[in-house]
Amino acid sequence: TCSHDMTPIYLKRYKLNKQIGMFLV
């Protein structure tokens, strides 16, 4: 859960995993 000071974003059209996530970060 989170405050309104955080914006969760979810990858479209491709399955995210930790490795891809770390690169995108």
mmCIF file of all heavy atoms, coordinates in Angstrom:
data_MODEL
# 
_entry.id   MODEL 
# 
loop_
_atom_site.group_PDB 
_atom_site.id 
_atom_site.type_symbol 
_atom_site.label_atom_id 
_atom_site.label_alt_id 
_atom_site.label_comp_id 
_atom_site.label_asym_id 
_atom_site.label_entity_id 
_atom_site.label_seq_id 
_atom_site.pdbx_PDB_ins_code 
_atom_site.Cartn_x 
_atom_site.Cartn_y 
_atom_site.Cartn_z 
_atom_site.occupancy 
_atom_site.B_iso_or_equiv 
_atom_site.pdbx_formal_charge 
_atom_site.auth_seq_id 
_atom_site.auth_comp_id 
_atom_site.auth_asym_id 
_atom_site.auth_atom_id 
_atom_site.pdbx_PDB_model_num 
ATOM 1   N N   . THR A 1 1  ? 0.869  -1.164  0.000   1.00 0.00 ? 1  THR A N   1 
ATOM 2   C CA  . THR A 1 1  ? 0.000  0.000   0.000   1.00 0.00 ? 1  THR A CA  1 
ATOM 3   C C   . THR A 1 1  ? 0.909  1.217   0.000   1.00 0.00 ? 1  THR A C   1 
ATOM 4   O O   . THR A 1 1  ? 2.116  1.095   0.211   1.00 0.00 ? 1  THR A O   1 
ATOM 5   C CB  . THR A 1 1  ? -0.957 -0.003  1.207   1.00 0.00 ? 1  THR A CB  1 
ATOM 6   O OG1 . THR A 1 1  ? -1.910 1.069   1.060   1.00 0.00 ? 1  THR A OG1 1 
ATOM 7   C CG2 . THR A 1 1  ? -0.208 0.167   2.523   1.00 0.00 ? 1  THR A CG2 1 
ATOM 8   N N   . CYS A 1 2  ? 0.354  2.398   -0.274  1.00 0.00 ? 2  CYS A N   1 
ATOM 9   C CA  . CYS A 1 2  ? 1.253  3.551   -0.396  1.00 0.00 ? 2  CYS A CA  1 
ATOM 10  C C   . CYS A 1 2  ? 0.509  4.866   -0.198  1.00 0.00 ? 2  CYS A C   1 
ATOM 11  O O   . CYS A 1 2  ? -0.720 4.935   -0.241  1.00 0.00 ? 2  CYS A O   1 
ATOM 12  C CB  . CYS A 1 2  ? 1.951  3.544   -1.748  1.00 0.00 ? 2  CYS A CB  1 
ATOM 13  S SG  . CYS A 1 2  ? 0.850  3.748   -3.170  1.00 0.00 ? 2  CYS A SG  1 
ATOM 14  N N   . SER A 1 3  ? 1.302  5.915   -0.009  1.00 0.00 ? 3  SER A N   1 
ATOM 15  C CA  . SER A 1 3  ? 0.745  7.261   0.083   1.00 0.00 ? 3  SER A CA  1 
ATOM 16  C C   . SER A 1 3  ? 0.518  7.820   -1.318  1.00 0.00 ? 3  SER A C   1 
ATOM 17  O O   . SER A 1 3  ? 0.959  7.238   -2.313  1.00 0.00 ? 3  SER A O   1 
ATOM 18  C CB  . SER A 1 3  ? 1.709  8.178   0.858   1.00 0.00 ? 3  SER A CB  1 
ATOM 19  O OG  . SER A 1 3  ? 2.792  8.559   0.024   1.00 0.00 ? 3  SER A OG  1 
ATOM 20  N N   . HIS A 1 4  ? -0.122 8.978   -1.386  1.00 0.00 ? 4  HIS A N   1 
ATOM 21  C CA  . HIS A 1 4  ? -0.350 9.612   -2.687  1.00 0.00 ? 4  HIS A CA  1 
ATOM 22  C C   . HIS A 1 4  ? 0.939  10.226  -3.234  1.00 0.00 ? 4  HIS A C   1 
ATOM 23  O O   . HIS A 1 4  ? 0.950  10.727  -4.360  1.00 0.00 ? 4  HIS A O   1 
ATOM 24  C CB  . HIS A 1 4  ? -1.450 10.669  -2.581  1.00 0.00 ? 4  HIS A CB  1 
ATOM 25  C CG  . HIS A 1 4  ? -1.055 11.888  -1.796  1.00 0.00 ? 4  HIS A CG  1 
ATOM 26  N ND1 . HIS A 1 4  ? -0.817 11.853  -0.444  1.00 0.00 ? 4  HIS A ND1 1 
ATOM 27  C CD2 . HIS A 1 4  ? -0.831 13.174  -2.174  1.00 0.00 ? 4  HIS A CD2 1 
ATOM 28  C CE1 . HIS A 1 4  ? -0.477 13.057  -0.015  1.00 0.00 ? 4  HIS A CE1 1 
ATOM 29  N NE2 . HIS A 1 4  ? -0.474 13.880  -1.045  1.00 0.00 ? 4  HIS A NE2 1 
ATOM 30  N N   . ASP A 1 5  ? 2.014  10.183  -2.437  1.00 0.00 ? 5  ASP A N   1 
ATOM 31  C CA  . ASP A 1 5  ? 3.325  10.667  -2.899  1.00 0.00 ? 5  ASP A CA  1 
ATOM 32  C C   . ASP A 1 5  ? 4.069  9.611   -3.714  1.00 0.00 ? 5  ASP A C   1 
ATOM 33  O O   . ASP A 1 5  ? 5.184  9.857   -4.176  1.00 0.00 ? 5  ASP A O   1 
ATOM 34  C CB  . ASP A 1 5  ? 4.201  11.070  -1.712  1.00 0.00 ? 5  ASP A CB  1 
ATOM 35  C CG  . ASP A 1 5  ? 3.641  12.277  -0.974  1.00 0.00 ? 5  ASP A CG  1 
ATOM 36  O OD1 . ASP A 1 5  ? 3.051  13.152  -1.634  1.00 0.00 ? 5  ASP A OD1 1 
ATOM 37  O OD2 . ASP A 1 5  ? 3.788  12.350  0.259   1.00 0.00 ? 5  ASP A OD2 1 
ATOM 38  N N   . MET A 1 6  ? 3.470  8.448   -3.877  1.00 0.00 ? 6  MET A N   1 
ATOM 39  C CA  . MET A 1 6  ? 4.025  7.382   -4.709  1.00 0.00 ? 6  MET A CA  1 
ATOM 40  C C   . MET A 1 6  ? 3.086  7.122   -5.885  1.00 0.00 ? 6  MET A C   1 
ATOM 41  O O   . MET A 1 6  ? 1.864  7.127   -5.725  1.00 0.00 ? 6  MET A O   1 
ATOM 42  C CB  . MET A 1 6  ? 4.191  6.087   -3.906  1.00 0.00 ? 6  MET A CB  1 
ATOM 43  C CG  . MET A 1 6  ? 5.314  6.129   -2.892  1.00 0.00 ? 6  MET A CG  1 
ATOM 44  S SD  . MET A 1 6  ? 6.911  6.263   -3.704  1.00 0.00 ? 6  MET A SD  1 
ATOM 45  C CE  . MET A 1 6  ? 7.603  4.679   -3.387  1.00 0.00 ? 6  MET A CE  1 
ATOM 46  N N   . THR A 1 7  ? 3.687  6.858   -7.033  1.00 0.00 ? 7  THR A N   1 
ATOM 47  C CA  . THR A 1 7  ? 2.903  6.529   -8.224  1.00 0.00 ? 7  THR A CA  1 
ATOM 48  C C   . THR A 1 7  ? 3.292  5.140   -8.717  1.00 0.00 ? 7  THR A C   1 
ATOM 49  O O   . THR A 1 7  ? 4.392  4.952   -9.244  1.00 0.00 ? 7  THR A O   1 
ATOM 50  C CB  . THR A 1 7  ? 3.157  7.551   -9.350  1.00 0.00 ? 7  THR A CB  1 
ATOM 51  O OG1 . THR A 1 7  ? 2.851  8.870   -8.879  1.00 0.00 ? 7  THR A OG1 1 
ATOM 52  C CG2 . THR A 1 7  ? 2.287  7.242   -10.569 1.00 0.00 ? 7  THR A CG2 1 
ATOM 53  N N   . PRO A 1 8  ? 2.448  4.123   -8.521  1.00 0.00 ? 8  PRO A N   1 
ATOM 54  C CA  . PRO A 1 8  ? 2.737  2.780   -9.046  1.00 0.00 ? 8  PRO A CA  1 
ATOM 55  C C   . PRO A 1 8  ? 2.515  2.744   -10.565 1.00 0.00 ? 8  PRO A C   1 
ATOM 56  O O   . PRO A 1 8  ? 1.514  3.272   -11.058 1.00 0.00 ? 8  PRO A O   1 
ATOM 57  C CB  . PRO A 1 8  ? 1.723  1.881   -8.327  1.00 0.00 ? 8  PRO A CB  1 
ATOM 58  C CG  . PRO A 1 8  ? 1.206  2.706   -7.180  1.00 0.00 ? 8  PRO A CG  1 
ATOM 59  C CD  . PRO A 1 8  ? 1.260  4.125   -7.671  1.00 0.00 ? 8  PRO A CD  1 
ATOM 60  N N   . ILE A 1 9  ? 3.445  2.136   -11.293 1.00 0.00 ? 9  ILE A N   1 
ATOM 61  C CA  . ILE A 1 9  ? 3.291  2.008   -12.744 1.00 0.00 ? 9  ILE A CA  1 
ATOM 62  C C   . ILE A 1 9  ? 3.530  0.550   -13.144 1.00 0.00 ? 9  ILE A C   1 
ATOM 63  O O   . ILE A 1 9  ? 4.434  -0.099  -12.647 1.00 0.00 ? 9  ILE A O   1 
ATOM 64  C CB  . ILE A 1 9  ? 4.209  2.976   -13.520 1.00 0.00 ? 9  ILE A CB  1 
ATOM 65  C CG1 . ILE A 1 9  ? 5.692  2.681   -13.266 1.00 0.00 ? 9  ILE A CG1 1 
ATOM 66  C CG2 . ILE A 1 9  ? 3.902  4.430   -13.136 1.00 0.00 ? 9  ILE A CG2 1 
ATOM 67  C CD1 . ILE A 1 9  ? 6.636  3.536   -14.106 1.00 0.00 ? 9  ILE A CD1 1 
ATOM 68  N N   . TYR A 1 10 ? 2.687  0.052   -14.048 1.00 0.00 ? 10 TYR A N   1 
ATOM 69  C CA  . TYR A 1 10 ? 2.673  -1.358  -14.432 1.00 0.00 ? 10 TYR A CA  1 
ATOM 70  C C   . TYR A 1 10 ? 2.962  -1.492  -15.930 1.00 0.00 ? 10 TYR A C   1 
ATOM 71  O O   . TYR A 1 10 ? 2.300  -0.853  -16.750 1.00 0.00 ? 10 TYR A O   1 
ATOM 72  C CB  . TYR A 1 10 ? 1.318  -1.981  -14.097 1.00 0.00 ? 10 TYR A CB  1 
ATOM 73  C CG  . TYR A 1 10 ? 1.057  -2.044  -12.611 1.00 0.00 ? 10 TYR A CG  1 
ATOM 74  C CD1 . TYR A 1 10 ? 0.576  -0.930  -11.928 1.00 0.00 ? 10 TYR A CD1 1 
ATOM 75  C CD2 . TYR A 1 10 ? 1.314  -3.204  -11.897 1.00 0.00 ? 10 TYR A CD2 1 
ATOM 76  C CE1 . TYR A 1 10 ? 0.358  -0.977  -10.548 1.00 0.00 ? 10 TYR A CE1 1 
ATOM 77  C CE2 . TYR A 1 10 ? 1.090  -3.266  -10.522 1.00 0.00 ? 10 TYR A CE2 1 
ATOM 78  C CZ  . TYR A 1 10 ? 0.615  -2.156  -9.862  1.00 0.00 ? 10 TYR A CZ  1 
ATOM 79  O OH  . TYR A 1 10 ? 0.405  -2.206  -8.504  1.00 0.00 ? 10 TYR A OH  1 
ATOM 80  N N   . LEU A 1 11 ? 3.937  -2.324  -16.259 1.00 0.00 ? 11 LEU A N   1 
ATOM 81  C CA  . LEU A 1 11 ? 4.349  -2.484  -17.651 1.00 0.00 ? 11 LEU A CA  1 
ATOM 82  C C   . LEU A 1 11 ? 3.226  -3.095  -18.487 1.00 0.00 ? 11 LEU A C   1 
ATOM 83  O O   . LEU A 1 11 ? 2.603  -4.077  -18.091 1.00 0.00 ? 11 LEU A O   1 
ATOM 84  C CB  . LEU A 1 11 ? 5.598  -3.367  -17.719 1.00 0.00 ? 11 LEU A CB  1 
ATOM 85  C CG  . LEU A 1 11 ? 6.321  -3.444  -19.071 1.00 0.00 ? 11 LEU A CG  1 
ATOM 86  C CD1 . LEU A 1 11 ? 6.857  -2.082  -19.491 1.00 0.00 ? 11 LEU A CD1 1 
ATOM 87  C CD2 . LEU A 1 11 ? 7.466  -4.461  -18.996 1.00 0.00 ? 11 LEU A CD2 1 
ATOM 88  N N   . LYS A 1 12 ? 2.983  -2.522  -19.660 1.00 0.00 ? 12 LYS A N   1 
ATOM 89  C CA  . LYS A 1 12 ? 1.992  -3.043  -20.594 1.00 0.00 ? 12 LYS A CA  1 
ATOM 90  C C   . LYS A 1 12 ? 2.669  -3.952  -21.617 1.00 0.00 ? 12 LYS A C   1 
ATOM 91  O O   . LYS A 1 12 ? 3.838  -3.798  -21.923 1.00 0.00 ? 12 LYS A O   1 
ATOM 92  C CB  . LYS A 1 12 ? 1.325  -1.900  -21.367 1.00 0.00 ? 12 LYS A CB  1 
ATOM 93  C CG  . LYS A 1 12 ? 0.611  -0.851  -20.537 1.00 0.00 ? 12 LYS A CG  1 
ATOM 94  C CD  . LYS A 1 12 ? 0.109  0.247   -21.482 1.00 0.00 ? 12 LYS A CD  1 
ATOM 95  C CE  . LYS A 1 12 ? -0.533 1.402   -20.769 1.00 0.00 ? 12 LYS A CE  1 
ATOM 96  N NZ  . LYS A 1 12 ? -0.930 2.478   -21.726 1.00 0.00 ? 12 LYS A NZ  1 
ATOM 97  N N   . ARG A 1 13 ? 1.920  -4.865  -22.161 1.00 0.00 ? 13 ARG A N   1 
ATOM 98  C CA  . ARG A 1 13 ? 2.308  -5.648  -23.350 1.00 0.00 ? 13 ARG A CA  1 
ATOM 99  C C   . ARG A 1 13 ? 3.603  -6.448  -23.203 1.00 0.00 ? 13 ARG A C   1 
ATOM 100 O O   . ARG A 1 13 ? 4.168  -6.915  -24.188 1.00 0.00 ? 13 ARG A O   1 
ATOM 101 C CB  . ARG A 1 13 ? 2.404  -4.740  -24.589 1.00 0.00 ? 13 ARG A CB  1 
ATOM 102 C CG  . ARG A 1 13 ? 1.078  -4.097  -24.972 1.00 0.00 ? 13 ARG A CG  1 
ATOM 103 C CD  . ARG A 1 13 ? 1.202  -3.273  -26.230 1.00 0.00 ? 13 ARG A CD  1 
ATOM 104 N NE  . ARG A 1 13 ? 2.018  -2.090  -26.033 1.00 0.00 ? 13 ARG A NE  1 
ATOM 105 C CZ  . ARG A 1 13 ? 1.543  -0.944  -25.522 1.00 0.00 ? 13 ARG A CZ  1 
ATOM 106 N NH1 . ARG A 1 13 ? 0.274  -0.835  -25.177 1.00 0.00 ? 13 ARG A NH1 1 
ATOM 107 N NH2 . ARG A 1 13 ? 2.335  0.087   -25.384 1.00 0.00 ? 13 ARG A NH2 1 
ATOM 108 N N   . TYR A 1 14 ? 4.086  -6.600  -21.987 1.00 0.00 ? 14 TYR A N   1 
ATOM 109 C CA  . TYR A 1 14 ? 5.240  -7.468  -21.762 1.00 0.00 ? 14 TYR A CA  1 
ATOM 110 C C   . TYR A 1 14 ? 5.264  -7.820  -20.275 1.00 0.00 ? 14 TYR A C   1 
ATOM 111 O O   . TYR A 1 14 ? 4.966  -6.974  -19.428 1.00 0.00 ? 14 TYR A O   1 
ATOM 112 C CB  . TYR A 1 14 ? 6.552  -6.764  -22.144 1.00 0.00 ? 14 TYR A CB  1 
ATOM 113 C CG  . TYR A 1 14 ? 7.689  -7.732  -22.417 1.00 0.00 ? 14 TYR A CG  1 
ATOM 114 C CD1 . TYR A 1 14 ? 7.901  -8.229  -23.699 1.00 0.00 ? 14 TYR A CD1 1 
ATOM 115 C CD2 . TYR A 1 14 ? 8.532  -8.162  -21.397 1.00 0.00 ? 14 TYR A CD2 1 
ATOM 116 C CE1 . TYR A 1 14 ? 8.936  -9.117  -23.969 1.00 0.00 ? 14 TYR A CE1 1 
ATOM 117 C CE2 . TYR A 1 14 ? 9.556  -9.050  -21.645 1.00 0.00 ? 14 TYR A CE2 1 
ATOM 118 C CZ  . TYR A 1 14 ? 9.765  -9.521  -22.937 1.00 0.00 ? 14 TYR A CZ  1 
ATOM 119 O OH  . TYR A 1 14 ? 10.780 -10.417 -23.188 1.00 0.00 ? 14 TYR A OH  1 
ATOM 120 N N   . LYS A 1 15 ? 5.618  -9.061  -19.977 1.00 0.00 ? 15 LYS A N   1 
ATOM 121 C CA  . LYS A 1 15 ? 5.615  -9.503  -18.584 1.00 0.00 ? 15 LYS A CA  1 
ATOM 122 C C   . LYS A 1 15 ? 6.880  -9.028  -17.879 1.00 0.00 ? 15 LYS A C   1 
ATOM 123 O O   . LYS A 1 15 ? 7.994  -9.414  -18.235 1.00 0.00 ? 15 LYS A O   1 
ATOM 124 C CB  . LYS A 1 15 ? 5.511  -11.029 -18.504 1.00 0.00 ? 15 LYS A CB  1 
ATOM 125 C CG  . LYS A 1 15 ? 5.345  -11.526 -17.066 1.00 0.00 ? 15 LYS A CG  1 
ATOM 126 C CD  . LYS A 1 15 ? 5.119  -13.022 -17.018 1.00 0.00 ? 15 LYS A CD  1 
ATOM 127 C CE  . LYS A 1 15 ? 4.935  -13.485 -15.574 1.00 0.00 ? 15 LYS A CE  1 
ATOM 128 N NZ  . LYS A 1 15 ? 4.711  -14.956 -15.500 1.00 0.00 ? 15 LYS A NZ  1 
ATOM 129 N N   . LEU A 1 16 ? 6.688  -8.202  -16.876 1.00 0.00 ? 16 LEU A N   1 
ATOM 130 C CA  . LEU A 1 16 ? 7.814  -7.672  -16.105 1.00 0.00 ? 16 LEU A CA  1 
ATOM 131 C C   . LEU A 1 16 ? 8.373  -8.743  -15.179 1.00 0.00 ? 16 LEU A C   1 
ATOM 132 O O   . LEU A 1 16 ? 7.648  -9.604  -14.694 1.00 0.00 ? 16 LEU A O   1 
ATOM 133 C CB  . LEU A 1 16 ? 7.340  -6.474  -15.275 1.00 0.00 ? 16 LEU A CB  1 
ATOM 134 C CG  . LEU A 1 16 ? 8.406  -5.658  -14.546 1.00 0.00 ? 16 LEU A CG  1 
ATOM 135 C CD1 . LEU A 1 16 ? 9.325  -4.958  -15.536 1.00 0.00 ? 16 LEU A CD1 1 
ATOM 136 C CD2 . LEU A 1 16 ? 7.738  -4.635  -13.613 1.00 0.00 ? 16 LEU A CD2 1 
ATOM 137 N N   . ASN A 1 17 ? 9.683  -8.719  -14.949 1.00 0.00 ? 17 ASN A N   1 
ATOM 138 C CA  . ASN A 1 17 ? 10.300 -9.516  -13.886 1.00 0.00 ? 17 ASN A CA  1 
ATOM 139 C C   . ASN A 1 17 ? 11.323 -8.634  -13.178 1.00 0.00 ? 17 ASN A C   1 
ATOM 140 O O   . ASN A 1 17 ? 11.507 -7.460  -13.546 1.00 0.00 ? 17 ASN A O   1 
ATOM 141 C CB  . ASN A 1 17 ? 10.926 -10.809 -14.425 1.00 0.00 ? 17 ASN A CB  1 
ATOM 142 C CG  . ASN A 1 17 ? 11.988 -10.560 -15.478 1.00 0.00 ? 17 ASN A CG  1 
ATOM 143 O OD1 . ASN A 1 17 ? 12.745 -9.589  -15.407 1.00 0.00 ? 17 ASN A OD1 1 
ATOM 144 N ND2 . ASN A 1 17 ? 12.067 -11.440 -16.467 1.00 0.00 ? 17 ASN A ND2 1 
ATOM 145 N N   . LYS A 1 18 ? 11.979 -9.180  -12.181 1.00 0.00 ? 18 LYS A N   1 
ATOM 146 C CA  . LYS A 1 18 ? 12.879 -8.356  -11.364 1.00 0.00 ? 18 LYS A CA  1 
ATOM 147 C C   . LYS A 1 18 ? 14.036 -7.799  -12.185 1.00 0.00 ? 18 LYS A C   1 
ATOM 148 O O   . LYS A 1 18 ? 14.434 -6.640  -12.003 1.00 0.00 ? 18 LYS A O   1 
ATOM 149 C CB  . LYS A 1 18 ? 13.417 -9.172  -10.193 1.00 0.00 ? 18 LYS A CB  1 
ATOM 150 C CG  . LYS A 1 18 ? 14.194 -8.333  -9.183  1.00 0.00 ? 18 LYS A CG  1 
ATOM 151 C CD  . LYS A 1 18 ? 14.484 -9.104  -7.916  1.00 0.00 ? 18 LYS A CD  1 
ATOM 152 C CE  . LYS A 1 18 ? 15.122 -8.198  -6.883  1.00 0.00 ? 18 LYS A CE  1 
ATOM 153 N NZ  . LYS A 1 18 ? 15.361 -8.911  -5.596  1.00 0.00 ? 18 LYS A NZ  1 
ATOM 154 N N   . GLN A 1 19 ? 14.593 -8.609  -13.089 1.00 0.00 ? 19 GLN A N   1 
ATOM 155 C CA  . GLN A 1 19 ? 15.744 -8.154  -13.871 1.00 0.00 ? 19 GLN A CA  1 
ATOM 156 C C   . GLN A 1 19 ? 15.352 -6.997  -14.801 1.00 0.00 ? 19 GLN A C   1 
ATOM 157 O O   . GLN A 1 19 ? 16.033 -5.971  -14.856 1.00 0.00 ? 19 GLN A O   1 
ATOM 158 C CB  . GLN A 1 19 ? 16.330 -9.316  -14.685 1.00 0.00 ? 19 GLN A CB  1 
ATOM 159 C CG  . GLN A 1 19 ? 17.116 -10.320 -13.871 1.00 0.00 ? 19 GLN A CG  1 
ATOM 160 C CD  . GLN A 1 19 ? 16.240 -11.200 -13.003 1.00 0.00 ? 19 GLN A CD  1 
ATOM 161 O OE1 . GLN A 1 19 ? 15.120 -11.557 -13.400 1.00 0.00 ? 19 GLN A OE1 1 
ATOM 162 N NE2 . GLN A 1 19 ? 16.712 -11.563 -11.829 1.00 0.00 ? 19 GLN A NE2 1 
ATOM 163 N N   . ILE A 1 20 ? 14.256 -7.167  -15.523 1.00 0.00 ? 20 ILE A N   1 
ATOM 164 C CA  . ILE A 1 20 ? 13.795 -6.085  -16.398 1.00 0.00 ? 20 ILE A CA  1 
ATOM 165 C C   . ILE A 1 20 ? 13.443 -4.856  -15.565 1.00 0.00 ? 20 ILE A C   1 
ATOM 166 O O   . ILE A 1 20 ? 13.764 -3.718  -15.932 1.00 0.00 ? 20 ILE A O   1 
ATOM 167 C CB  . ILE A 1 20 ? 12.587 -6.533  -17.237 1.00 0.00 ? 20 ILE A CB  1 
ATOM 168 C CG1 . ILE A 1 20 ? 12.968 -7.699  -18.150 1.00 0.00 ? 20 ILE A CG1 1 
ATOM 169 C CG2 . ILE A 1 20 ? 12.028 -5.379  -18.064 1.00 0.00 ? 20 ILE A CG2 1 
ATOM 170 C CD1 . ILE A 1 20 ? 11.790 -8.356  -18.859 1.00 0.00 ? 20 ILE A CD1 1 
ATOM 171 N N   . GLY A 1 21 ? 12.804 -5.104  -14.431 1.00 0.00 ? 21 GLY A N   1 
ATOM 172 C CA  . GLY A 1 21 ? 12.437 -4.004  -13.548 1.00 0.00 ? 21 GLY A CA  1 
ATOM 173 C C   . GLY A 1 21 ? 13.638 -3.207  -13.081 1.00 0.00 ? 21 GLY A C   1 
ATOM 174 O O   . GLY A 1 21 ? 13.612 -1.975  -13.049 1.00 0.00 ? 21 GLY A O   1 
ATOM 175 N N   . MET A 1 22 ? 14.728 -3.899  -12.725 1.00 0.00 ? 22 MET A N   1 
ATOM 176 C CA  . MET A 1 22 ? 15.921 -3.206  -12.247 1.00 0.00 ? 22 MET A CA  1 
ATOM 177 C C   . MET A 1 22 ? 16.565 -2.372  -13.355 1.00 0.00 ? 22 MET A C   1 
ATOM 178 O O   . MET A 1 22 ? 17.086 -1.284  -13.098 1.00 0.00 ? 22 MET A O   1 
ATOM 179 C CB  . MET A 1 22 ? 16.911 -4.221  -11.683 1.00 0.00 ? 22 MET A CB  1 
ATOM 180 C CG  . MET A 1 22 ? 16.446 -4.854  -10.374 1.00 0.00 ? 22 MET A CG  1 
ATOM 181 S SD  . MET A 1 22 ? 17.514 -6.200  -9.810  1.00 0.00 ? 22 MET A SD  1 
ATOM 182 C CE  . MET A 1 22 ? 19.025 -5.288  -9.440  1.00 0.00 ? 22 MET A CE  1 
ATOM 183 N N   . PHE A 1 23 ? 16.539 -2.879  -14.583 1.00 0.00 ? 23 PHE A N   1 
ATOM 184 C CA  . PHE A 1 23 ? 17.068 -2.104  -15.707 1.00 0.00 ? 23 PHE A CA  1 
ATOM 185 C C   . PHE A 1 23 ? 16.209 -0.854  -15.922 1.00 0.00 ? 23 PHE A C   1 
ATOM 186 O O   . PHE A 1 23 ? 16.729 0.252   -16.096 1.00 0.00 ? 23 PHE A O   1 
ATOM 187 C CB  . PHE A 1 23 ? 17.084 -2.969  -16.973 1.00 0.00 ? 23 PHE A CB  1 
ATOM 188 C CG  . PHE A 1 23 ? 17.899 -2.382  -18.102 1.00 0.00 ? 23 PHE A CG  1 
ATOM 189 C CD1 . PHE A 1 23 ? 19.165 -2.855  -18.378 1.00 0.00 ? 23 PHE A CD1 1 
ATOM 190 C CD2 . PHE A 1 23 ? 17.393 -1.352  -18.884 1.00 0.00 ? 23 PHE A CD2 1 
ATOM 191 C CE1 . PHE A 1 23 ? 19.919 -2.320  -19.413 1.00 0.00 ? 23 PHE A CE1 1 
ATOM 192 C CE2 . PHE A 1 23 ? 18.132 -0.811  -19.928 1.00 0.00 ? 23 PHE A CE2 1 
ATOM 193 C CZ  . PHE A 1 23 ? 19.406 -1.289  -20.192 1.00 0.00 ? 23 PHE A CZ  1 
ATOM 194 N N   . LEU A 1 24 ? 14.890 -1.042  -15.914 1.00 0.00 ? 24 LEU A N   1 
ATOM 195 C CA  . LEU A 1 24 ? 13.986 0.086   -16.116 1.00 0.00 ? 24 LEU A CA  1 
ATOM 196 C C   . LEU A 1 24 ? 14.113 1.125   -15.009 1.00 0.00 ? 24 LEU A C   1 
ATOM 197 O O   . LEU A 1 24 ? 13.986 2.331   -15.260 1.00 0.00 ? 24 LEU A O   1 
ATOM 198 C CB  . LEU A 1 24 ? 12.542 -0.420  -16.196 1.00 0.00 ? 24 LEU A CB  1 
ATOM 199 C CG  . LEU A 1 24 ? 12.190 -1.244  -17.442 1.00 0.00 ? 24 LEU A CG  1 
ATOM 200 C CD1 . LEU A 1 24 ? 10.800 -1.855  -17.301 1.00 0.00 ? 24 LEU A CD1 1 
ATOM 201 C CD2 . LEU A 1 24 ? 12.263 -0.384  -18.697 1.00 0.00 ? 24 LEU A CD2 1 
ATOM 202 N N   . VAL A 1 25 ? 14.364 0.657   -13.792 1.00 0.00 ? 25 VAL A N   1 
ATOM 203 C CA  . VAL A 1 25 ? 14.558 1.586   -12.667 1.00 0.00 ? 25 VAL A CA  1 
ATOM 204 C C   . VAL A 1 25 ? 15.719 2.535   -12.953 1.00 0.00 ? 25 VAL A C   1 
ATOM 205 O O   . VAL A 1 25 ? 15.621 3.750   -12.736 1.00 0.00 ? 25 VAL A O   1 
ATOM 206 C CB  . VAL A 1 25 ? 14.802 0.812   -11.360 1.00 0.00 ? 25 VAL A CB  1 
ATOM 207 C CG1 . VAL A 1 25 ? 15.435 1.716   -10.292 1.00 0.00 ? 25 VAL A CG1 1 
ATOM 208 C CG2 . VAL A 1 25 ? 13.498 0.246   -10.823 1.00 0.00 ? 25 VAL A CG2 1 
# 
